[in-house]
Protein backbone atom coordinates (compact mmCIF):
# COMPACT_ATOMS: atom_id res chain seq x y z
CA MET A 1 88.53 111.32 102.81
CA VAL A 2 90.16 114.61 103.78
CA ALA A 3 89.71 117.66 101.55
CA ASN A 4 92.76 119.26 99.89
CA THR A 5 94.72 116.02 100.15
CA THR A 6 96.57 113.87 97.58
CA TYR A 7 95.85 110.12 97.75
CA TYR A 8 97.78 107.28 96.08
CA TRP A 9 96.43 103.86 95.07
CA TRP A 10 97.45 100.56 93.47
CA VAL A 11 95.53 97.51 92.25
CA GLN A 12 96.33 93.85 91.61
CA SER A 13 94.34 90.85 90.43
CA THR A 14 94.26 87.25 91.68
CA ASP A 15 92.70 83.92 90.78
CA ASN A 16 89.47 82.60 92.30
CA ALA A 17 91.37 80.85 95.07
CA GLY A 18 93.35 83.95 95.95
CA LEU A 19 96.62 82.02 95.67
CA ASN A 20 98.32 83.64 92.67
CA PRO A 21 98.22 87.42 92.88
CA SER A 22 99.52 89.48 89.97
CA ALA A 23 102.11 92.22 90.23
CA TRP A 24 100.81 95.52 91.49
CA SER A 25 99.78 98.07 88.86
CA ASP A 26 101.49 101.41 88.37
CA ARG A 27 100.69 103.91 91.09
CA GLY A 28 97.67 106.16 90.53
CA ASP A 29 96.92 109.33 92.42
CA PHE A 30 94.12 111.82 92.90
CA TYR A 31 93.51 115.04 94.79
CA THR A 32 90.50 115.94 96.92
CA SER A 33 89.50 119.58 96.58
CA ALA A 34 87.12 121.21 99.02
CA THR A 35 86.11 124.00 96.62
CA ALA A 36 85.36 121.71 93.69
CA ALA A 37 83.75 118.88 95.67
CA ALA A 38 80.37 119.58 94.04
CA VAL A 39 81.83 118.98 90.57
CA GLN A 40 83.28 115.50 90.11
CA VAL A 41 86.30 114.70 87.96
CA PRO A 42 85.19 112.88 84.78
CA VAL A 43 86.50 109.36 84.09
CA GLN A 44 88.18 108.91 80.72
CA MET A 45 86.80 105.87 78.91
CA TYR A 46 88.22 105.85 75.35
CA PRO A 47 90.81 105.99 73.91
CA THR A 48 93.16 105.32 76.82
CA GLY A 49 96.05 103.08 77.79
CA GLY A 50 98.20 103.80 74.74
CA ILE A 51 95.95 101.87 72.34
CA THR A 52 96.31 102.30 68.58
CA ILE A 53 93.30 103.46 66.60
CA PRO A 54 92.62 103.13 62.84
CA GLY A 55 92.02 106.21 60.73
CA THR A 56 92.55 109.87 61.51
CA SER A 57 89.53 110.57 63.74
CA VAL A 58 88.31 109.22 67.05
CA ASP A 59 85.39 109.75 69.41
CA LEU A 60 86.70 110.74 72.82
CA SER A 61 84.39 109.39 75.52
CA TRP A 62 84.17 109.75 79.28
CA ALA A 63 81.81 109.09 82.16
CA TYR A 64 80.53 111.38 84.89
CA PHE A 65 79.43 109.88 88.20
CA GLY A 66 78.17 113.02 89.93
CA THR A 67 74.88 114.80 89.31
CA PRO A 68 75.02 115.53 85.56
CA ALA A 69 72.43 118.34 85.44
CA GLY A 70 74.03 121.48 84.04
CA ILE A 71 77.50 119.95 83.75
CA THR A 72 79.56 120.78 80.64
CA TYR A 73 83.09 119.74 79.76
CA GLU A 74 86.35 121.07 78.44
CA ALA A 75 88.96 118.81 76.82
CA GLU A 76 92.49 119.45 75.62
CA TRP A 77 94.74 117.36 73.40
CA SER A 78 98.47 117.63 72.86
CA LEU A 79 101.37 115.89 71.18
CA TYR A 80 103.29 115.91 74.44
CA PRO A 81 102.72 113.91 77.65
CA ASP A 82 103.07 116.98 79.87
CA MET A 83 100.22 118.59 77.85
CA THR A 84 102.34 121.47 76.58
CA LEU A 85 101.03 123.37 73.52
CA PRO A 86 97.50 122.00 74.00
CA THR A 87 94.53 122.46 71.68
CA THR A 88 91.38 123.23 73.68
CA ILE A 89 87.94 121.79 72.90
CA THR A 90 85.08 123.51 74.74
CA MET A 91 81.77 121.64 74.77
CA SER A 92 78.63 123.64 75.49
CA THR A 93 75.99 120.88 75.38
CA PRO A 94 75.16 119.89 78.97
CA GLY A 95 75.46 116.17 79.69
CA ALA A 96 77.32 115.23 76.48
CA THR A 97 80.01 112.61 77.18
CA THR A 98 81.54 112.17 73.71
CA GLN A 99 83.44 114.46 71.38
CA THR A 100 84.88 113.73 67.93
CA LEU A 101 88.53 114.56 67.43
CA SER A 102 89.33 114.66 63.70
CA GLY A 103 92.18 115.65 61.40
CA LEU A 104 94.71 113.49 63.23
CA SER A 105 98.04 112.59 61.64
CA THR A 106 98.94 108.97 60.96
CA GLY A 107 101.68 107.31 63.02
CA THR A 108 101.37 109.86 65.81
CA THR A 109 100.88 109.61 69.58
CA TYR A 110 98.32 111.91 71.19
CA TYR A 111 97.52 112.82 74.78
CA TRP A 112 94.21 114.18 76.09
CA HIS A 113 92.61 115.21 79.36
CA ILE A 114 89.19 116.51 80.37
CA ARG A 115 87.48 118.38 83.19
CA ALA A 116 83.91 119.26 84.19
CA THR A 117 82.26 122.53 85.19
CA ASP A 118 78.86 123.68 86.36
CA GLY A 119 79.59 127.26 85.32
CA VAL A 120 80.85 128.24 88.76
CA LEU A 121 83.07 125.42 89.99
CA THR A 122 85.49 123.43 87.83
CA SER A 123 86.90 119.99 88.58
CA ALA A 124 90.53 118.95 88.35
CA TRP A 125 91.74 117.52 85.04
CA ALA A 126 91.29 113.80 84.41
CA GLY A 127 94.27 112.30 82.63
CA PRO A 128 96.15 112.71 80.47
CA ALA A 129 95.33 109.53 78.55
CA GLN A 130 97.41 108.34 75.62
CA PHE A 131 96.62 106.79 72.22
CA SER A 132 98.31 106.43 68.83
CA THR A 133 97.19 106.30 65.19
CA TRP A 134 98.30 103.64 62.72
CA ALA A 135 100.98 104.48 60.16
CA SER A 136 99.55 103.80 56.72
CA SER A 137 101.54 102.45 53.75
CA ALA A 138 100.98 105.79 52.02
CA ALA A 139 102.20 107.72 55.06
CA PRO A 140 104.65 105.51 56.99
CA ILE A 141 106.12 108.28 59.15
CA VAL A 142 105.82 107.59 62.87
CA VAL A 143 106.61 109.99 65.70
CA PRO A 144 109.01 108.18 68.09
CA LEU A 145 108.38 107.93 71.82
CA VAL A 146 111.25 108.72 74.19
CA GLY A 147 112.52 105.65 76.05
CA SER A 148 115.44 106.63 78.28
CA PRO A 149 116.97 108.55 79.90
CA VAL A 150 114.12 110.87 80.90
CA SER A 151 113.01 113.13 83.75
CA ASN A 152 116.46 114.40 84.76
CA ALA A 153 117.85 110.91 85.32
CA VAL A 154 121.41 111.09 86.65
CA ILE A 155 123.62 108.85 84.52
CA ASP A 156 126.84 107.20 85.65
CA THR A 157 128.76 107.39 82.37
CA ASP A 158 130.02 110.11 80.05
CA THR A 159 128.90 108.03 77.05
CA PRO A 160 125.16 107.59 77.74
CA GLU A 161 122.92 105.56 75.44
CA LEU A 162 119.73 107.36 74.39
CA SER A 163 116.92 105.03 73.30
CA TRP A 164 113.44 105.42 71.83
CA PHE A 165 110.72 103.26 70.27
CA LEU A 166 107.79 103.44 67.87
CA PRO A 167 104.22 103.26 69.19
CA VAL A 168 103.13 101.53 65.95
CA GLN A 169 105.00 99.41 63.42
CA SER A 170 106.58 101.08 60.39
CA ASP A 171 109.48 99.77 58.29
CA GLY A 172 112.36 101.50 56.58
CA LEU A 173 112.67 104.50 58.87
CA THR A 174 115.84 106.24 59.97
CA TYR A 175 116.12 108.81 62.74
CA GLU A 176 117.49 112.25 63.49
CA LEU A 177 118.36 113.15 67.07
CA GLN A 178 119.08 116.48 68.73
CA TYR A 179 120.65 117.03 72.13
CA SER A 180 121.30 120.33 73.84
CA MET A 181 122.19 121.96 77.15
CA THR A 182 119.26 124.37 76.71
CA GLY A 183 115.59 123.45 76.67
CA ASP A 184 114.94 125.48 73.50
CA PHE A 185 117.64 123.58 71.55
CA THR A 186 119.32 126.79 70.37
CA ASP A 187 122.75 125.16 70.65
CA ALA A 188 121.63 121.67 69.63
CA VAL A 189 123.95 119.02 68.26
CA ASP A 190 122.33 117.00 65.45
CA ILE A 191 122.95 113.33 64.74
CA GLU A 192 121.44 112.19 61.44
CA ASP A 193 120.78 108.95 59.54
CA ILE A 194 120.55 106.73 62.62
CA ALA A 195 119.50 103.25 61.53
CA THR A 196 118.63 101.86 64.99
CA THR A 197 116.43 103.06 67.86
CA SER A 198 119.32 104.06 70.08
CA VAL A 199 122.53 106.06 69.90
CA SER A 200 125.45 106.67 72.26
CA LEU A 201 126.76 110.15 72.96
CA SER A 202 130.34 111.02 73.80
CA ASP A 203 132.04 113.64 75.96
CA VAL A 204 129.05 114.45 78.17
CA THR A 205 130.03 117.11 80.73
CA ASP A 206 129.96 116.03 84.38
CA GLY A 207 127.01 117.40 86.34
CA GLU A 208 125.44 119.27 83.41
CA LYS A 209 121.80 118.88 82.39
CA TYR A 210 121.01 117.81 78.82
CA PHE A 211 117.80 117.78 76.78
CA TRP A 212 117.17 115.48 73.82
CA ARG A 213 114.51 114.64 71.24
CA VAL A 214 114.25 112.50 68.13
CA ARG A 215 112.23 112.31 64.90
CA SER A 216 111.87 109.74 62.14
CA LYS A 217 112.52 109.99 58.39
CA ASP A 218 111.24 107.78 55.57
CA SER A 219 113.08 106.75 52.40
CA ASN A 220 111.67 109.78 50.55
CA GLY A 221 113.13 112.20 53.08
CA ASN A 222 109.82 113.04 54.76
CA LEU A 223 110.26 113.92 58.44
CA SER A 224 107.97 113.44 61.42
CA ILE A 225 107.62 116.05 64.13
CA TYR A 226 110.00 115.71 67.05
CA SER A 227 109.21 113.47 70.00
CA ALA A 228 108.59 114.74 73.49
CA ILE A 229 111.76 115.96 75.21
CA GLY A 230 113.83 113.68 77.41
CA SER A 231 116.41 114.97 79.87
CA PHE A 232 119.32 113.71 81.94
CA VAL A 233 122.19 114.94 84.07
CA GLY A 234 125.77 114.03 83.33
CA PRO A 235 127.77 111.97 85.86
CA LYS A 236 128.60 113.82 89.04
CA VAL A 237 132.21 114.26 90.13
CA THR A 238 132.88 112.64 93.51
CA ASP A 239 135.78 112.86 95.93
CA ILE A 240 138.29 110.06 96.09
CA LYS A 241 136.69 109.08 99.38
CA GLU A 242 133.13 108.36 98.40
CA GLU A 243 130.50 109.69 100.79
CA VAL A 244 127.44 107.55 101.43
CA ILE A 245 124.31 109.59 100.70
CA ILE A 246 121.18 108.62 102.61
CA PRO A 247 118.05 109.58 100.63
CA GLU A 248 115.13 111.30 102.34
CA LYS A 249 112.44 109.00 100.97
CA PHE A 250 111.84 105.67 99.27
CA ALA A 251 112.04 105.89 95.48
CA VAL A 252 112.41 103.66 92.43
CA SER A 253 113.87 105.06 89.21
CA GLN A 254 112.86 104.13 85.70
CA ASN A 255 115.19 101.44 84.43
CA TYR A 256 118.01 102.58 82.14
CA PRO A 257 118.24 102.04 79.24
CA ASN A 258 114.60 101.51 78.34
CA PRO A 259 113.84 99.88 75.91
CA PHE A 260 116.89 97.68 76.47
CA ASN A 261 118.89 94.85 74.95
CA PRO A 262 120.57 92.87 76.39
CA SER A 263 120.61 94.38 79.92
CA THR A 264 119.21 97.24 81.96
CA VAL A 265 119.82 98.85 85.36
CA ILE A 266 117.16 99.42 88.04
CA GLU A 267 117.97 101.89 90.83
CA TYR A 268 116.13 102.32 94.13
CA SER A 269 116.61 104.51 97.21
CA LEU A 270 116.11 103.57 100.85
CA PRO A 271 115.95 106.16 103.66
CA GLU A 272 116.57 103.35 106.16
CA GLY A 273 117.56 99.70 106.11
CA GLU A 274 114.74 97.38 104.97
CA PHE A 275 114.14 93.87 103.72
CA VAL A 276 113.86 94.41 99.96
CA SER A 277 112.38 92.26 97.24
CA LEU A 278 112.76 93.23 93.59
CA ARG A 279 110.93 90.92 91.21
CA VAL A 280 110.19 90.99 87.49
CA TYR A 281 106.81 89.89 86.13
CA ASN A 282 105.38 89.39 82.66
CA MET A 283 102.15 91.08 81.59
CA LEU A 284 100.13 88.08 82.80
CA GLY A 285 101.34 88.75 86.33
CA GLN A 286 103.60 85.67 86.37
CA GLU A 287 106.92 86.03 88.15
CA VAL A 288 109.86 85.91 85.74
CA ALA A 289 112.90 86.74 87.85
CA THR A 290 113.84 87.58 91.43
CA LEU A 291 116.66 90.14 91.43
CA VAL A 292 116.77 91.08 95.13
CA ASN A 293 115.37 89.27 98.17
CA LYS A 294 117.38 90.28 101.23
CA GLU A 295 118.01 92.88 103.92
CA VAL A 296 119.48 96.04 102.34
CA GLU A 297 121.16 99.00 104.05
CA ALA A 298 119.97 102.60 103.68
CA GLY A 299 121.29 104.35 100.59
CA VAL A 300 120.98 104.34 96.81
CA HIS A 301 121.27 100.89 95.23
CA SER A 302 121.22 99.55 91.70
CA ILE A 303 120.79 96.12 90.18
CA THR A 304 121.36 94.94 86.60
CA TRP A 305 118.92 92.59 84.87
CA ASN A 306 120.26 90.81 81.80
CA GLY A 307 116.91 89.54 80.55
CA VAL A 308 117.30 86.08 82.12
CA ASP A 309 114.53 84.34 84.09
CA ASN A 310 114.87 82.36 87.31
CA SER A 311 115.73 79.20 85.35
CA GLY A 312 118.60 80.90 83.52
CA SER A 313 116.80 81.16 80.17
CA LYS A 314 116.63 84.32 78.07
CA VAL A 315 113.16 85.89 78.12
CA SER A 316 111.36 86.95 74.95
CA THR A 317 110.82 90.42 73.55
CA GLY A 318 108.01 92.25 75.32
CA THR A 319 106.88 94.47 78.17
CA TYR A 320 107.73 93.49 81.74
CA ILE A 321 106.85 94.88 85.16
CA TYR A 322 109.36 95.26 87.96
CA ARG A 323 108.09 95.55 91.52
CA VAL A 324 110.16 96.79 94.45
CA VAL A 325 108.91 96.08 97.97
CA ALA A 326 110.75 97.63 100.92
CA GLY A 327 108.91 97.31 104.22
CA ASN A 328 105.51 98.96 103.67
CA ASN A 329 106.69 100.70 100.50
CA ILE A 330 105.70 99.22 97.14
CA LEU A 331 106.40 100.66 93.69
CA THR A 332 106.00 99.13 90.22
CA LYS A 333 107.19 100.30 86.82
CA LYS A 334 107.20 98.96 83.28
CA MET A 335 110.17 98.19 81.05
CA ILE A 336 110.50 97.01 77.46
CA LEU A 337 112.92 94.37 76.13
CA LEU A 338 113.60 94.62 72.40
CA LYS A 339 115.65 92.10 70.42
């Protein structure tokens, strides 16, 4: 490998005969650093993958595949996926690969990452990894997770639907949502007593960026902390004669809305004409629906999936993977159908 270079990777599984490959996983990436080559990046072992843990404490664990002599570690945890407002845990015992994280709140999603140092050189961060804690009957509050739109998604309507979901089950909750044109929410508009996990806004200004977040409330009026912040851009004004925009690189957007019911839109960008296949798979890697399988011109394209499989039957509630293949480009993402 080449130093100071970012690499991307995917993985898929297949049966013993090699005849039924699964969908490709989400894309992973890593960076090779020349200065920190002597100190390897730790591998997070537990908890990862968005699992739910019992109780309010957990033993973080990781593995180190370099020479462990003299290596110590530093971990950080946060309530936000971009690791803002982190709490730092510095471990001074050389070689230790576990650390207890206690005092966690119930019904809350946490993110953590870790790095290694030999006292001179420090590795890149591993992670972040995600996990949640159960909501107990005595403390049913759950911090919602932002669904869509996120990451400055450009919407095509002035009445966008904002959606979210709970990482763990809890009944009887309502929600309070804030949206704002400033990231600090100083001019936020509040929507209270929302009974569902989505809400539609009205009168969104064309081309303006919005930020939004949501929190839950139980029947006693107890409130969770706010979720991470989602963002989107209002619909852009176009001339009467629409200009075809050719993107600079291949890209696949997160479906919108997500979670969804009954339909969702998947958008992809092609810098040049390609034969495109867009297929939906279940979590077992079995193909559910083929949405695109043809030659497509350069440009930005979108396709709507109404939750129907190739036989015309409605699929069940759950998590699905959509995979877009365009020439040598392959990208996969997850989406959630809720009924």
